[in-house]
Amino acid sequence: MVQAYILVQTEVGKAADVARQIAQIAGVTQAEDVTGPYDVIVRARAENVDELGKLVAAKIQAVQGITRTLTCPVVHI
């Protein structure tokens, strides 16, 4: 199992709507709108890195209002 935080930038005024839409996507465990350089922080999980990539590229980035994402996989050192 791979887990990651996905940092999302949105169009102005779209953060809350984007967070609500992302929260409904299978594989997303949490999505919250925040303040700062990113507008939404998402916690997601997938079976492997390839599935995580598909989740981000095909589902999360398809949400209207997103301008950029940064995926940060969780590591256990």
N, C-alpha and C. Protein backbone atom coordinates (compact mmCIF):
# COMPACT_ATOMS: atom_id res chain seq x y z
N MET A 1 0.84 -1.18 0.00
CA MET A 1 0.00 0.00 0.00
C MET A 1 0.88 1.24 0.00
N VAL A 2 0.58 2.17 -0.89
CA VAL A 2 1.29 3.45 -0.99
C VAL A 2 0.33 4.55 -0.55
N GLN A 3 0.82 5.45 0.28
CA GLN A 3 0.04 6.60 0.70
C GLN A 3 0.78 7.86 0.27
N ALA A 4 0.04 8.93 0.04
CA ALA A 4 0.66 10.18 -0.39
C ALA A 4 -0.19 11.37 0.02
N TYR A 5 0.48 12.50 0.14
CA TYR A 5 -0.20 13.78 0.25
C TYR A 5 -0.11 14.42 -1.12
N ILE A 6 -1.21 14.97 -1.59
CA ILE A 6 -1.22 15.67 -2.86
C ILE A 6 -1.56 17.13 -2.57
N LEU A 7 -0.63 18.02 -2.89
CA LEU A 7 -0.81 19.45 -2.66
C LEU A 7 -1.39 20.04 -3.94
N VAL A 8 -2.49 20.76 -3.80
CA VAL A 8 -3.25 21.21 -4.96
C VAL A 8 -3.36 22.73 -4.97
N GLN A 9 -3.08 23.32 -6.11
CA GLN A 9 -3.35 24.74 -6.33
C GLN A 9 -4.58 24.83 -7.21
N THR A 10 -5.45 25.80 -6.91
CA THR A 10 -6.69 25.95 -7.65
C THR A 10 -6.83 27.36 -8.21
N GLU A 11 -7.82 27.51 -9.06
CA GLU A 11 -8.20 28.84 -9.51
C GLU A 11 -8.73 29.61 -8.30
N VAL A 12 -8.67 30.91 -8.35
CA VAL A 12 -9.13 31.76 -7.25
C VAL A 12 -10.60 31.46 -6.94
N GLY A 13 -10.88 31.24 -5.66
CA GLY A 13 -12.25 31.03 -5.21
C GLY A 13 -12.78 29.62 -5.42
N LYS A 14 -11.95 28.69 -5.87
CA LYS A 14 -12.42 27.33 -6.19
C LYS A 14 -12.00 26.28 -5.16
N ALA A 15 -11.23 26.63 -4.15
CA ALA A 15 -10.65 25.65 -3.24
C ALA A 15 -11.70 24.77 -2.55
N ALA A 16 -12.73 25.36 -1.99
CA ALA A 16 -13.73 24.57 -1.26
C ALA A 16 -14.45 23.60 -2.19
N ASP A 17 -14.81 24.06 -3.37
CA ASP A 17 -15.51 23.20 -4.33
C ASP A 17 -14.59 22.07 -4.81
N VAL A 18 -13.34 22.38 -5.09
CA VAL A 18 -12.38 21.37 -5.53
C VAL A 18 -12.18 20.33 -4.43
N ALA A 19 -12.03 20.76 -3.18
CA ALA A 19 -11.86 19.83 -2.06
C ALA A 19 -13.05 18.90 -1.93
N ARG A 20 -14.27 19.43 -2.08
CA ARG A 20 -15.48 18.59 -1.99
C ARG A 20 -15.50 17.55 -3.11
N GLN A 21 -15.16 17.95 -4.31
CA GLN A 21 -15.15 17.01 -5.43
C GLN A 21 -14.09 15.93 -5.27
N ILE A 22 -12.89 16.33 -4.85
CA ILE A 22 -11.82 15.36 -4.67
C ILE A 22 -12.15 14.37 -3.56
N ALA A 23 -12.79 14.82 -2.52
CA ALA A 23 -13.13 13.94 -1.39
C ALA A 23 -14.01 12.78 -1.81
N GLN A 24 -14.73 12.91 -2.92
CA GLN A 24 -15.63 11.86 -3.39
C GLN A 24 -14.92 10.80 -4.25
N ILE A 25 -13.67 11.01 -4.58
CA ILE A 25 -12.93 10.10 -5.46
C ILE A 25 -12.45 8.88 -4.68
N ALA A 26 -12.66 7.69 -5.22
CA ALA A 26 -12.19 6.46 -4.58
C ALA A 26 -10.67 6.50 -4.47
N GLY A 27 -10.15 6.16 -3.31
CA GLY A 27 -8.72 6.20 -3.05
C GLY A 27 -8.31 7.43 -2.26
N VAL A 28 -9.16 8.44 -2.22
CA VAL A 28 -8.89 9.64 -1.44
C VAL A 28 -9.44 9.41 -0.04
N THR A 29 -8.59 9.57 0.96
CA THR A 29 -9.03 9.38 2.34
C THR A 29 -9.37 10.70 3.02
N GLN A 30 -8.85 11.80 2.50
CA GLN A 30 -9.14 13.10 3.10
C GLN A 30 -8.80 14.19 2.09
N ALA A 31 -9.60 15.24 2.05
CA ALA A 31 -9.32 16.40 1.21
C ALA A 31 -9.83 17.64 1.95
N GLU A 32 -8.93 18.56 2.20
CA GLU A 32 -9.31 19.76 2.94
C GLU A 32 -8.77 21.01 2.25
N ASP A 33 -9.58 22.08 2.25
CA ASP A 33 -9.09 23.34 1.74
C ASP A 33 -8.33 24.03 2.87
N VAL A 34 -7.21 24.64 2.52
CA VAL A 34 -6.30 25.25 3.48
C VAL A 34 -5.85 26.61 2.97
N THR A 35 -5.11 27.33 3.81
CA THR A 35 -4.52 28.59 3.37
C THR A 35 -3.02 28.38 3.17
N GLY A 36 -2.41 29.27 2.42
CA GLY A 36 -0.98 29.16 2.17
C GLY A 36 -0.70 29.01 0.69
N PRO A 37 0.48 28.50 0.34
CA PRO A 37 0.85 28.40 -1.06
C PRO A 37 0.02 27.36 -1.83
N TYR A 38 -0.59 26.42 -1.11
CA TYR A 38 -1.49 25.43 -1.72
C TYR A 38 -2.88 25.67 -1.20
N ASP A 39 -3.87 25.30 -1.98
CA ASP A 39 -5.26 25.58 -1.63
C ASP A 39 -6.00 24.38 -1.07
N VAL A 40 -5.56 23.18 -1.46
CA VAL A 40 -6.18 21.94 -0.98
C VAL A 40 -5.07 20.95 -0.69
N ILE A 41 -5.19 20.23 0.43
CA ILE A 41 -4.28 19.14 0.73
C ILE A 41 -5.09 17.85 0.77
N VAL A 42 -4.62 16.87 0.01
CA VAL A 42 -5.33 15.60 -0.15
C VAL A 42 -4.47 14.48 0.42
N ARG A 43 -5.10 13.56 1.12
CA ARG A 43 -4.42 12.33 1.55
C ARG A 43 -5.04 11.21 0.74
N ALA A 44 -4.20 10.39 0.10
CA ALA A 44 -4.71 9.33 -0.76
C ALA A 44 -3.91 8.06 -0.55
N ARG A 45 -4.50 6.94 -0.97
CA ARG A 45 -3.80 5.65 -0.90
C ARG A 45 -4.11 4.85 -2.14
N ALA A 46 -3.15 3.99 -2.51
CA ALA A 46 -3.30 3.13 -3.67
C ALA A 46 -2.48 1.87 -3.43
N GLU A 47 -2.71 0.86 -4.24
CA GLU A 47 -2.02 -0.42 -4.08
C GLU A 47 -0.52 -0.31 -4.38
N ASN A 48 -0.15 0.55 -5.34
CA ASN A 48 1.26 0.71 -5.70
C ASN A 48 1.46 2.08 -6.33
N VAL A 49 2.69 2.40 -6.66
CA VAL A 49 3.02 3.72 -7.21
C VAL A 49 2.32 3.96 -8.55
N ASP A 50 2.23 2.93 -9.38
CA ASP A 50 1.55 3.09 -10.67
C ASP A 50 0.08 3.45 -10.48
N GLU A 51 -0.57 2.78 -9.54
CA GLU A 51 -1.99 3.07 -9.26
C GLU A 51 -2.14 4.47 -8.66
N LEU A 52 -1.20 4.88 -7.85
CA LEU A 52 -1.22 6.24 -7.30
C LEU A 52 -1.11 7.26 -8.43
N GLY A 53 -0.21 7.01 -9.37
CA GLY A 53 -0.06 7.90 -10.52
C GLY A 53 -1.34 8.00 -11.33
N LYS A 54 -2.01 6.87 -11.54
CA LYS A 54 -3.28 6.87 -12.27
C LYS A 54 -4.35 7.65 -11.51
N LEU A 55 -4.38 7.49 -10.19
CA LEU A 55 -5.34 8.21 -9.37
C LEU A 55 -5.15 9.72 -9.52
N VAL A 56 -3.90 10.15 -9.45
CA VAL A 56 -3.62 11.59 -9.53
C VAL A 56 -3.86 12.11 -10.95
N ALA A 57 -3.29 11.46 -11.94
CA ALA A 57 -3.35 11.97 -13.31
C ALA A 57 -4.73 11.83 -13.94
N ALA A 58 -5.40 10.72 -13.71
CA ALA A 58 -6.68 10.48 -14.40
C ALA A 58 -7.89 10.97 -13.63
N LYS A 59 -7.81 11.00 -12.32
CA LYS A 59 -9.00 11.37 -11.54
C LYS A 59 -8.89 12.71 -10.83
N ILE A 60 -7.83 12.89 -10.05
CA ILE A 60 -7.73 14.14 -9.29
C ILE A 60 -7.48 15.32 -10.22
N GLN A 61 -6.52 15.20 -11.14
CA GLN A 61 -6.23 16.32 -12.03
C GLN A 61 -7.36 16.61 -13.01
N ALA A 62 -8.32 15.72 -13.12
CA ALA A 62 -9.46 15.94 -14.01
C ALA A 62 -10.52 16.85 -13.39
N VAL A 63 -10.40 17.15 -12.10
CA VAL A 63 -11.37 18.01 -11.42
C VAL A 63 -11.20 19.44 -11.93
N GLN A 64 -12.31 20.03 -12.34
CA GLN A 64 -12.30 21.40 -12.84
C GLN A 64 -11.89 22.37 -11.74
N GLY A 65 -11.01 23.32 -12.09
CA GLY A 65 -10.58 24.34 -11.14
C GLY A 65 -9.17 24.13 -10.62
N ILE A 66 -8.59 22.95 -10.89
CA ILE A 66 -7.22 22.68 -10.45
C ILE A 66 -6.24 23.25 -11.47
N THR A 67 -5.21 23.94 -10.97
CA THR A 67 -4.19 24.49 -11.87
C THR A 67 -2.86 23.73 -11.76
N ARG A 68 -2.59 23.10 -10.59
CA ARG A 68 -1.32 22.38 -10.42
C ARG A 68 -1.43 21.44 -9.22
N THR A 69 -0.72 20.31 -9.32
CA THR A 69 -0.63 19.38 -8.19
C THR A 69 0.82 19.02 -7.94
N LEU A 70 1.10 18.64 -6.69
CA LEU A 70 2.41 18.13 -6.29
C LEU A 70 2.15 16.92 -5.41
N THR A 71 2.63 15.76 -5.84
CA THR A 71 2.40 14.52 -5.11
C THR A 71 3.60 14.19 -4.23
N CYS A 72 3.34 13.96 -2.94
CA CYS A 72 4.38 13.67 -1.97
C CYS A 72 4.12 12.32 -1.33
N PRO A 73 4.74 11.24 -1.84
CA PRO A 73 4.52 9.92 -1.25
C PRO A 73 5.03 9.86 0.19
N VAL A 74 4.33 9.13 1.03
CA VAL A 74 4.73 8.93 2.41
C VAL A 74 5.80 7.85 2.44
N VAL A 75 6.89 8.09 3.18
CA VAL A 75 7.94 7.10 3.33
C VAL A 75 8.07 6.74 4.81
N HIS A 76 8.48 5.51 5.06
CA HIS A 76 8.70 5.05 6.43
C HIS A 76 10.17 4.67 6.56
N ILE A 77 10.94 5.55 7.19
CA ILE A 77 12.39 5.35 7.30
C ILE A 77 12.72 4.77 8.66
